[in-house]
Protein backbone atom coordinates (compact mmCIF):
# COMPACT_ATOMS: atom_id res chain seq x y z
CA MET A 1 -12.18 -10.09 -5.14
CA ALA A 2 -14.88 -12.77 -5.44
CA LYS A 3 -13.72 -14.35 -2.20
CA TYR A 4 -14.04 -11.03 -0.30
CA PRO A 5 -16.80 -9.00 -2.01
CA LEU A 6 -16.61 -6.14 0.52
CA LEU A 7 -13.06 -5.38 -0.65
CA GLY A 8 -14.09 -5.23 -4.31
CA SER A 9 -14.81 -2.07 -6.25
CA SER A 10 -18.38 -1.19 -7.19
CA GLN A 11 -17.11 0.01 -10.59
CA SER A 12 -15.01 -3.05 -11.45
CA PRO A 13 -15.38 -6.16 -9.27
CA GLU A 14 -11.88 -7.31 -10.17
CA GLU A 15 -10.33 -4.15 -8.70
CA LEU A 16 -9.67 -3.26 -5.08
CA SER A 17 -12.19 -0.86 -3.57
CA LEU A 18 -11.33 2.84 -3.42
CA THR A 19 -12.41 2.73 0.24
CA VAL A 20 -9.71 0.16 1.00
CA LYS A 21 -7.09 2.16 -0.89
CA GLY A 22 -8.13 5.30 0.96
CA PHE A 23 -7.92 3.50 4.30
CA VAL A 24 -4.36 2.39 3.58
CA VAL A 25 -3.36 5.94 2.69
CA ALA A 26 -5.10 7.35 5.78
CA LEU A 27 -3.35 4.80 7.97
CA LEU A 28 0.09 6.20 7.15
CA PRO A 29 -0.18 9.46 9.15
CA VAL A 30 -1.60 7.55 12.12
CA LEU A 31 1.31 5.11 12.05
CA SER A 32 3.73 8.01 11.69
CA LEU A 33 2.22 9.73 14.72
CA LEU A 34 2.39 6.58 16.82
CA LEU A 35 5.93 5.69 15.76
CA SER A 36 7.22 9.24 16.32
CA LYS A 37 6.93 8.67 20.07
CA TRP A 38 9.56 5.93 19.96
CA VAL A 39 11.59 6.69 16.84
CA ASN A 40 13.57 9.78 15.85
CA ALA A 41 11.93 11.84 13.06
CA GLU A 42 14.91 11.40 10.71
CA VAL A 43 14.95 7.65 11.21
CA LEU A 44 11.18 7.55 10.69
CA ALA A 45 11.47 9.49 7.43
CA GLU A 46 14.18 7.15 6.18
CA LEU A 47 12.10 4.13 7.20
CA VAL A 48 9.07 5.43 5.31
CA ASN A 49 11.20 6.11 2.22
CA ALA A 50 12.73 2.64 2.41
CA VAL A 51 9.38 0.89 2.82
CA PHE A 52 7.73 2.80 -0.03
CA GLY A 53 10.78 2.25 -2.23
CA ALA A 54 10.67 -1.49 -1.55
CA VAL A 55 6.91 -1.71 -2.15
CA GLY A 56 7.23 0.30 -5.35
CA ALA A 57 10.04 -1.91 -6.61
CA CYS A 58 8.00 -5.04 -5.84
CA LEU A 59 5.02 -3.62 -7.73
CA VAL A 60 7.18 -2.85 -10.75
CA VAL A 61 8.63 -6.38 -10.77
CA TRP A 62 5.16 -7.89 -10.31
CA GLY A 63 3.82 -5.77 -13.17
CA ILE A 64 6.61 -6.96 -15.46
CA ILE A 65 6.00 -10.58 -14.49
CA ARG A 66 2.26 -10.20 -15.19
CA LYS A 67 2.97 -8.81 -18.66
CA PHE A 68 5.08 -11.80 -19.65
CA LYS A 69 2.92 -14.34 -17.84
CA LYS A 70 0.05 -14.08 -20.37
């Protein structure tokens, strides 16, 4: 976070700011509202599940890699 100090946490400079995390979470309903105009609700729900599943899986793999990297 040293390169972008505004994104860093005030509690721990190495961590991402709670404001940034909150913004990402708040962005989801807005994207859902915008996409619902063009995409069926069932398809949108499946898309959200797929994206969060993929992101979660990537985070798990990255966490495992970081544990063995040290």
